[in-house]
N, C-alpha and C. Protein backbone atom coordinates (compact mmCIF):
# COMPACT_ATOMS: atom_id res chain seq x y z
N UNK A 1 -32.51 22.43 -60.99
CA UNK A 1 -33.17 21.16 -60.86
C UNK A 1 -32.13 20.06 -60.98
N UNK A 2 -32.20 19.07 -60.08
CA UNK A 2 -31.26 17.94 -60.09
C UNK A 2 -31.72 16.93 -61.12
N UNK A 3 -30.76 16.43 -61.85
CA UNK A 3 -31.07 15.40 -62.86
C UNK A 3 -30.40 14.12 -62.42
N UNK A 4 -31.16 13.06 -62.42
CA UNK A 4 -30.62 11.76 -62.07
C UNK A 4 -30.35 10.99 -63.35
N UNK A 5 -29.54 9.93 -63.27
CA UNK A 5 -29.32 9.11 -64.47
C UNK A 5 -30.64 8.55 -65.02
N UNK A 6 -31.57 8.25 -64.14
CA UNK A 6 -32.86 7.72 -64.61
C UNK A 6 -33.61 8.79 -65.40
N UNK A 7 -33.52 10.08 -64.96
CA UNK A 7 -34.16 11.17 -65.70
C UNK A 7 -33.60 11.26 -67.12
N UNK A 8 -32.28 11.09 -67.23
CA UNK A 8 -31.65 11.18 -68.55
C UNK A 8 -32.12 10.02 -69.43
N UNK A 9 -32.18 8.82 -68.83
CA UNK A 9 -32.59 7.65 -69.62
C UNK A 9 -34.05 7.74 -70.05
N UNK A 10 -34.90 8.34 -69.23
CA UNK A 10 -36.32 8.38 -69.54
C UNK A 10 -36.76 9.67 -70.25
N UNK A 11 -35.83 10.54 -70.49
CA UNK A 11 -36.17 11.80 -71.14
C UNK A 11 -36.73 11.53 -72.55
N UNK A 12 -37.85 12.15 -72.82
CA UNK A 12 -38.43 12.02 -74.16
C UNK A 12 -38.69 13.42 -74.69
N UNK A 13 -38.35 13.57 -75.93
CA UNK A 13 -38.53 14.86 -76.57
C UNK A 13 -39.79 14.80 -77.42
N UNK A 14 -40.43 15.97 -77.57
CA UNK A 14 -41.61 16.04 -78.43
C UNK A 14 -41.16 15.92 -79.88
N UNK A 15 -41.82 15.13 -80.55
CA UNK A 15 -41.45 14.94 -81.95
C UNK A 15 -42.08 15.98 -82.85
N UNK A 16 -41.42 16.24 -83.95
CA UNK A 16 -41.96 17.15 -84.95
C UNK A 16 -42.65 16.30 -86.00
N UNK A 17 -43.30 16.92 -86.89
CA UNK A 17 -44.10 16.21 -87.86
C UNK A 17 -43.29 15.33 -88.79
N UNK A 18 -42.08 15.61 -89.06
CA UNK A 18 -41.29 14.81 -90.00
C UNK A 18 -40.36 13.85 -89.27
N UNK A 19 -40.68 13.42 -88.06
CA UNK A 19 -39.91 12.43 -87.32
C UNK A 19 -38.71 13.00 -86.62
N UNK A 20 -38.57 14.27 -86.58
CA UNK A 20 -37.43 14.86 -85.87
C UNK A 20 -37.80 15.27 -84.46
N UNK A 21 -36.84 15.76 -83.75
CA UNK A 21 -37.06 16.20 -82.38
C UNK A 21 -37.12 17.71 -82.35
N UNK A 22 -37.85 18.20 -81.35
CA UNK A 22 -37.96 19.64 -81.20
C UNK A 22 -36.62 20.18 -80.68
N UNK A 23 -35.94 21.01 -81.48
CA UNK A 23 -34.62 21.51 -81.06
C UNK A 23 -34.67 22.28 -79.75
N UNK A 24 -35.74 22.96 -79.48
CA UNK A 24 -35.85 23.72 -78.23
C UNK A 24 -35.86 22.78 -77.03
N UNK A 25 -36.60 21.67 -77.17
CA UNK A 25 -36.63 20.68 -76.07
C UNK A 25 -35.24 20.09 -75.85
N UNK A 26 -34.57 19.74 -76.93
CA UNK A 26 -33.23 19.13 -76.84
C UNK A 26 -32.25 20.15 -76.24
N UNK A 27 -32.29 21.40 -76.73
CA UNK A 27 -31.39 22.43 -76.21
C UNK A 27 -31.66 22.67 -74.72
N UNK A 28 -32.93 22.72 -74.35
CA UNK A 28 -33.29 22.95 -72.96
C UNK A 28 -32.78 21.80 -72.08
N UNK A 29 -32.96 20.57 -72.56
CA UNK A 29 -32.49 19.41 -71.80
C UNK A 29 -30.97 19.41 -71.69
N UNK A 30 -30.31 19.72 -72.79
CA UNK A 30 -28.85 19.76 -72.77
C UNK A 30 -28.34 20.84 -71.81
N UNK A 31 -29.02 21.99 -71.78
CA UNK A 31 -28.64 23.06 -70.84
C UNK A 31 -28.78 22.57 -69.40
N UNK A 32 -29.85 21.87 -69.12
CA UNK A 32 -30.09 21.34 -67.77
C UNK A 32 -29.01 20.32 -67.41
N UNK A 33 -28.70 19.41 -68.36
CA UNK A 33 -27.67 18.39 -68.12
C UNK A 33 -26.31 19.07 -67.94
N UNK A 34 -26.01 20.06 -68.76
CA UNK A 34 -24.74 20.78 -68.65
C UNK A 34 -24.64 21.47 -67.30
N UNK A 35 -25.72 22.11 -66.85
CA UNK A 35 -25.73 22.79 -65.55
C UNK A 35 -25.50 21.78 -64.42
N UNK A 36 -26.20 20.66 -64.55
CA UNK A 36 -26.04 19.63 -63.52
C UNK A 36 -24.62 19.06 -63.53
N UNK A 37 -24.06 18.88 -64.72
CA UNK A 37 -22.69 18.37 -64.84
C UNK A 37 -21.70 19.36 -64.23
N UNK A 38 -21.97 20.68 -64.51
CA UNK A 38 -21.11 21.69 -63.92
C UNK A 38 -21.14 21.60 -62.39
N UNK A 39 -22.36 21.46 -61.85
CA UNK A 39 -22.51 21.35 -60.40
C UNK A 39 -21.78 20.11 -59.86
N UNK A 40 -21.95 19.02 -60.57
CA UNK A 40 -21.31 17.77 -60.14
C UNK A 40 -19.78 17.87 -60.21
N UNK A 41 -19.28 18.47 -61.27
CA UNK A 41 -17.83 18.64 -61.42
C UNK A 41 -17.30 19.55 -60.32
N UNK A 42 -18.02 20.66 -60.07
CA UNK A 42 -17.59 21.58 -59.01
C UNK A 42 -17.62 20.86 -57.65
N UNK A 43 -18.70 20.16 -57.38
CA UNK A 43 -18.81 19.43 -56.12
C UNK A 43 -17.71 18.36 -56.01
N UNK A 44 -17.45 17.69 -57.12
CA UNK A 44 -16.39 16.66 -57.14
C UNK A 44 -15.03 17.30 -56.86
N UNK A 45 -14.77 18.45 -57.48
CA UNK A 45 -13.50 19.14 -57.25
C UNK A 45 -13.38 19.60 -55.80
N UNK A 46 -14.49 20.12 -55.26
CA UNK A 46 -14.48 20.55 -53.85
C UNK A 46 -14.21 19.36 -52.93
N UNK A 47 -14.85 18.24 -53.24
CA UNK A 47 -14.63 17.04 -52.43
C UNK A 47 -13.19 16.55 -52.53
N UNK A 48 -12.63 16.64 -53.75
CA UNK A 48 -11.22 16.24 -53.92
C UNK A 48 -10.29 17.16 -53.12
N UNK A 49 -10.59 18.48 -53.18
CA UNK A 49 -9.79 19.43 -52.41
C UNK A 49 -9.92 19.17 -50.91
N UNK A 50 -11.15 18.91 -50.48
CA UNK A 50 -11.40 18.63 -49.07
C UNK A 50 -10.66 17.34 -48.66
N UNK A 51 -10.70 16.34 -49.52
CA UNK A 51 -10.01 15.07 -49.24
C UNK A 51 -8.50 15.28 -49.18
N UNK A 52 -7.97 16.10 -50.09
CA UNK A 52 -6.54 16.39 -50.09
C UNK A 52 -6.15 17.15 -48.83
N UNK A 53 -6.98 18.12 -48.43
CA UNK A 53 -6.75 18.89 -47.22
C UNK A 53 -6.76 17.96 -45.99
N UNK A 54 -7.74 17.07 -45.95
CA UNK A 54 -7.83 16.14 -44.83
C UNK A 54 -6.65 15.17 -44.82
N UNK A 55 -6.20 14.78 -46.00
CA UNK A 55 -5.02 13.91 -46.08
C UNK A 55 -3.79 14.61 -45.53
N UNK A 56 -3.62 15.90 -45.92
CA UNK A 56 -2.49 16.68 -45.39
C UNK A 56 -2.60 16.83 -43.87
N UNK A 57 -3.82 17.10 -43.41
CA UNK A 57 -4.03 17.23 -41.97
C UNK A 57 -3.70 15.93 -41.24
N UNK A 58 -4.11 14.81 -41.85
CA UNK A 58 -3.82 13.51 -41.24
C UNK A 58 -2.31 13.26 -41.20
N UNK A 59 -1.63 13.64 -42.30
CA UNK A 59 -0.17 13.49 -42.31
C UNK A 59 0.47 14.36 -41.24
N UNK A 60 -0.04 15.61 -41.12
CA UNK A 60 0.47 16.51 -40.08
C UNK A 60 0.23 15.93 -38.69
N UNK A 61 -0.97 15.39 -38.50
CA UNK A 61 -1.30 14.80 -37.20
C UNK A 61 -0.42 13.58 -36.93
N UNK A 62 -0.19 12.77 -37.95
CA UNK A 62 0.66 11.60 -37.79
C UNK A 62 2.08 12.04 -37.43
N UNK A 63 2.57 13.11 -38.06
CA UNK A 63 3.90 13.63 -37.77
C UNK A 63 3.95 14.16 -36.33
N UNK A 64 2.90 14.88 -35.93
CA UNK A 64 2.85 15.40 -34.56
C UNK A 64 2.80 14.25 -33.56
N UNK A 65 2.04 13.23 -33.89
CA UNK A 65 1.95 12.06 -33.01
C UNK A 65 3.33 11.40 -32.88
N UNK A 66 4.03 11.27 -34.01
CA UNK A 66 5.37 10.67 -33.99
C UNK A 66 6.29 11.51 -33.12
N UNK A 67 6.22 12.84 -33.29
CA UNK A 67 7.06 13.74 -32.49
C UNK A 67 6.71 13.62 -31.00
N UNK A 68 5.41 13.53 -30.70
CA UNK A 68 4.99 13.39 -29.31
C UNK A 68 5.52 12.07 -28.72
N UNK A 69 5.44 11.00 -29.51
CA UNK A 69 5.96 9.70 -29.04
C UNK A 69 7.46 9.80 -28.77
N UNK A 70 8.18 10.44 -29.70
CA UNK A 70 9.62 10.59 -29.52
C UNK A 70 9.92 11.43 -28.28
N UNK A 71 9.14 12.50 -28.10
CA UNK A 71 9.32 13.35 -26.92
C UNK A 71 9.04 12.56 -25.65
N UNK A 72 7.98 11.78 -25.67
CA UNK A 72 7.62 10.96 -24.51
C UNK A 72 8.73 9.95 -24.22
N UNK A 73 9.24 9.30 -25.26
CA UNK A 73 10.32 8.33 -25.07
C UNK A 73 11.57 9.03 -24.52
N UNK A 74 11.86 10.21 -25.06
CA UNK A 74 13.02 10.97 -24.55
C UNK A 74 12.82 11.32 -23.08
N UNK A 75 11.62 11.75 -22.75
CA UNK A 75 11.33 12.10 -21.36
C UNK A 75 11.48 10.88 -20.46
N UNK A 76 11.00 9.72 -20.93
CA UNK A 76 11.13 8.50 -20.15
C UNK A 76 12.61 8.13 -19.97
N UNK A 77 13.40 8.31 -21.04
CA UNK A 77 14.84 8.00 -20.93
C UNK A 77 15.50 8.95 -19.93
N UNK A 78 15.13 10.23 -19.99
CA UNK A 78 15.70 11.21 -19.05
C UNK A 78 15.32 10.85 -17.62
N UNK A 79 14.07 10.47 -17.43
CA UNK A 79 13.60 10.09 -16.10
C UNK A 79 14.38 8.88 -15.59
N UNK A 80 14.55 7.88 -16.45
CA UNK A 80 15.30 6.69 -16.06
C UNK A 80 16.75 7.04 -15.72
N UNK A 81 17.35 7.93 -16.52
CA UNK A 81 18.72 8.36 -16.24
C UNK A 81 18.78 9.11 -14.91
N UNK A 82 17.78 9.97 -14.68
CA UNK A 82 17.75 10.71 -13.42
C UNK A 82 17.60 9.76 -12.23
N UNK A 83 16.74 8.75 -12.38
CA UNK A 83 16.57 7.76 -11.32
C UNK A 83 17.88 7.02 -11.07
N UNK A 84 18.53 6.60 -12.16
CA UNK A 84 19.80 5.88 -12.02
C UNK A 84 20.84 6.76 -11.34
N UNK A 85 20.92 8.03 -11.77
CA UNK A 85 21.87 8.95 -11.15
C UNK A 85 21.54 9.18 -9.67
N UNK A 86 20.26 9.29 -9.36
CA UNK A 86 19.84 9.48 -7.97
C UNK A 86 20.21 8.25 -7.14
N UNK A 87 20.01 7.04 -7.71
CA UNK A 87 20.39 5.81 -7.00
C UNK A 87 21.91 5.78 -6.76
N UNK A 88 22.66 6.14 -7.82
CA UNK A 88 24.12 6.15 -7.67
C UNK A 88 24.54 7.14 -6.60
N UNK A 89 23.94 8.33 -6.63
CA UNK A 89 24.29 9.35 -5.64
C UNK A 89 23.91 8.89 -4.24
N UNK A 90 22.74 8.27 -4.12
CA UNK A 90 22.32 7.76 -2.81
C UNK A 90 23.27 6.67 -2.33
N UNK A 91 23.66 5.76 -3.22
CA UNK A 91 24.61 4.71 -2.87
C UNK A 91 25.94 5.32 -2.43
N UNK A 92 26.38 6.35 -3.14
CA UNK A 92 27.63 7.01 -2.80
C UNK A 92 27.54 7.67 -1.42
N UNK A 93 26.43 8.34 -1.17
CA UNK A 93 26.23 8.99 0.13
C UNK A 93 26.23 7.94 1.24
N UNK A 94 25.52 6.82 1.01
CA UNK A 94 25.48 5.75 2.01
C UNK A 94 26.88 5.18 2.23
N UNK A 95 27.61 4.95 1.13
CA UNK A 95 28.98 4.41 1.25
C UNK A 95 29.87 5.37 2.04
N UNK A 96 29.78 6.66 1.72
CA UNK A 96 30.58 7.65 2.44
C UNK A 96 30.19 7.68 3.92
N UNK A 97 28.90 7.59 4.21
CA UNK A 97 28.44 7.60 5.60
C UNK A 97 28.94 6.35 6.33
N UNK A 98 28.89 5.20 5.65
CA UNK A 98 29.38 3.97 6.26
C UNK A 98 30.88 4.07 6.54
N UNK A 99 31.64 4.61 5.58
CA UNK A 99 33.08 4.77 5.74
C UNK A 99 33.38 5.73 6.90
N UNK A 100 32.64 6.83 6.94
CA UNK A 100 32.83 7.79 8.02
C UNK A 100 32.48 7.15 9.36
N UNK A 101 31.41 6.38 9.40
CA UNK A 101 31.02 5.67 10.62
C UNK A 101 32.09 4.69 11.06
N UNK A 102 32.66 3.97 10.09
CA UNK A 102 33.73 3.03 10.41
C UNK A 102 34.94 3.77 10.97
N UNK A 103 35.27 4.92 10.39
CA UNK A 103 36.40 5.72 10.89
C UNK A 103 36.12 6.21 12.32
N UNK A 104 34.89 6.65 12.56
CA UNK A 104 34.52 7.13 13.90
C UNK A 104 34.64 5.98 14.90
N UNK A 105 34.13 4.80 14.54
CA UNK A 105 34.22 3.64 15.42
C UNK A 105 35.68 3.27 15.66
N UNK A 106 36.50 3.28 14.57
CA UNK A 106 37.92 2.94 14.71
C UNK A 106 38.62 3.94 15.63
N UNK A 107 38.31 5.24 15.45
CA UNK A 107 38.88 6.27 16.32
C UNK A 107 38.46 6.04 17.77
N UNK A 108 37.19 5.74 17.97
CA UNK A 108 36.68 5.51 19.32
C UNK A 108 37.37 4.28 19.93
N UNK A 109 37.54 3.23 19.15
CA UNK A 109 38.23 2.03 19.66
C UNK A 109 39.69 2.34 19.99
N UNK A 110 40.34 3.13 19.14
CA UNK A 110 41.73 3.52 19.41
C UNK A 110 41.80 4.34 20.69
N UNK A 111 40.88 5.30 20.82
CA UNK A 111 40.87 6.13 22.04
C UNK A 111 40.58 5.27 23.27
N UNK A 112 39.68 4.30 23.11
CA UNK A 112 39.37 3.39 24.21
C UNK A 112 40.62 2.60 24.59
N UNK A 113 41.34 2.12 23.58
CA UNK A 113 42.58 1.40 23.86
C UNK A 113 43.59 2.29 24.58
N UNK A 114 43.72 3.53 24.12
CA UNK A 114 44.64 4.48 24.77
C UNK A 114 44.23 4.71 26.23
N UNK A 115 42.91 4.92 26.44
CA UNK A 115 42.43 5.15 27.81
C UNK A 115 42.67 3.93 28.68
N UNK A 116 42.43 2.74 28.15
CA UNK A 116 42.66 1.52 28.93
C UNK A 116 44.15 1.40 29.29
N UNK A 117 45.00 1.75 28.30
CA UNK A 117 46.45 1.69 28.57
C UNK A 117 46.83 2.70 29.65
N UNK A 118 46.27 3.89 29.60
CA UNK A 118 46.57 4.92 30.61
C UNK A 118 46.06 4.50 31.99
N UNK A 119 44.84 3.90 31.98
CA UNK A 119 44.28 3.42 33.26
C UNK A 119 45.18 2.32 33.84
N UNK A 120 45.59 1.41 32.97
CA UNK A 120 46.47 0.32 33.42
C UNK A 120 47.79 0.89 33.95
N UNK A 121 48.33 1.88 33.25
CA UNK A 121 49.57 2.53 33.70
C UNK A 121 49.34 3.22 35.04
N UNK A 122 48.18 3.90 35.19
CA UNK A 122 47.87 4.57 36.45
C UNK A 122 47.73 3.54 37.57
N UNK A 123 47.11 2.40 37.31
CA UNK A 123 46.99 1.34 38.31
C UNK A 123 48.37 0.80 38.69
N UNK A 124 49.17 0.57 37.65
CA UNK A 124 50.51 0.06 37.92
C UNK A 124 51.29 1.05 38.78
N UNK A 125 51.18 2.35 38.43
CA UNK A 125 51.87 3.38 39.21
C UNK A 125 51.32 3.44 40.64
N UNK A 126 50.00 3.25 40.78
CA UNK A 126 49.37 3.26 42.11
C UNK A 126 49.92 2.12 42.96
N UNK A 127 49.95 0.92 42.33
CA UNK A 127 50.47 -0.24 43.06
C UNK A 127 51.94 0.02 43.43
N UNK A 128 52.71 0.53 42.49
CA UNK A 128 54.14 0.85 42.72
C UNK A 128 54.25 1.87 43.86
N UNK A 129 53.38 2.91 43.80
CA UNK A 129 53.41 3.94 44.85
C UNK A 129 53.05 3.33 46.20
N UNK A 130 51.99 2.48 46.20
CA UNK A 130 51.56 1.86 47.45
C UNK A 130 52.69 1.01 48.04
N UNK A 131 53.35 0.25 47.19
CA UNK A 131 54.45 -0.61 47.66
C UNK A 131 55.58 0.26 48.21
N UNK A 132 55.93 1.31 47.44
CA UNK A 132 57.01 2.20 47.88
C UNK A 132 56.62 2.92 49.17
N UNK A 133 55.37 3.39 49.22
CA UNK A 133 54.90 4.10 50.40
C UNK A 133 54.86 3.18 51.61
N UNK A 134 54.41 1.94 51.43
CA UNK A 134 54.35 0.96 52.52
C UNK A 134 55.77 0.65 53.02
N UNK A 135 56.68 0.53 52.04
CA UNK A 135 58.07 0.25 52.42
C UNK A 135 58.62 1.43 53.22
N UNK A 136 58.29 2.64 52.80
CA UNK A 136 58.75 3.84 53.51
C UNK A 136 58.15 3.88 54.91
N UNK A 137 56.86 3.57 55.02
CA UNK A 137 56.19 3.56 56.32
C UNK A 137 56.80 2.49 57.24
N UNK A 138 57.05 1.32 56.64
CA UNK A 138 57.65 0.24 57.43
C UNK A 138 59.04 0.67 57.92
N UNK A 139 59.76 1.32 57.01
CA UNK A 139 61.10 1.76 57.35
C UNK A 139 61.03 2.78 58.47
N UNK A 140 60.11 3.75 58.39
CA UNK A 140 59.97 4.76 59.44
C UNK A 140 59.44 4.14 60.73
N UNK A 141 58.58 3.18 60.62
CA UNK A 141 58.04 2.53 61.81
C UNK A 141 59.14 1.77 62.51
N UNK A 142 60.01 1.14 61.78
CA UNK A 142 61.13 0.41 62.39
C UNK A 142 62.09 1.42 63.04
N UNK A 143 62.28 2.52 62.41
CA UNK A 143 63.17 3.53 62.99
C UNK A 143 62.59 4.06 64.28
N UNK A 144 61.30 4.25 64.27
CA UNK A 144 60.66 4.78 65.47
C UNK A 144 60.64 3.73 66.60
N UNK A 145 60.51 2.54 66.24
CA UNK A 145 60.50 1.50 67.25
C UNK A 145 61.91 1.14 67.71
N UNK A 146 62.86 1.55 67.00
CA UNK A 146 64.25 1.37 67.33
C UNK A 146 64.80 0.05 66.84
N UNK A 147 64.15 -0.60 66.03
CA UNK A 147 64.63 -1.88 65.52
C UNK A 147 65.74 -1.70 64.52
N UNK A 148 65.79 -0.61 63.94
CA UNK A 148 66.77 -0.44 62.85
C UNK A 148 67.67 0.73 63.17
N UNK A 149 68.91 0.62 62.90
CA UNK A 149 69.81 1.74 63.19
C UNK A 149 69.58 2.88 62.20
N UNK A 150 69.76 4.03 62.68
CA UNK A 150 69.55 5.21 61.88
C UNK A 150 70.66 5.50 60.98
């Protein structure tokens, strides 16, 4: 039976003829109060243990949360480093491609210059040949016509 503080305050014992209390009633009431106190103490201890367990669990959870945050921050730092490295590598690849392109263009321009020089030399030789050949033809034509002594 549960005893409330009001039950304890309102408890009345049967009186005996000489103004005393019935010891059986008092003993019975004290046994009930003691039983209830035992239950309350046990319940209080269980609640304290439960509270301590929950406090430990909360501390564990807080530690896990801290570790997760640190892991997340580390992962974000790694991602940022990877992005930066990827950008650097991409910039390097682009720079190398631009340099290679410039070399190819420079080679092509040099080859174009060489070809133009060869073409100009071939033209010059053609003109020289034409002049020499014309002179030879004129010389032979004069010989054939008899204008020039042999």
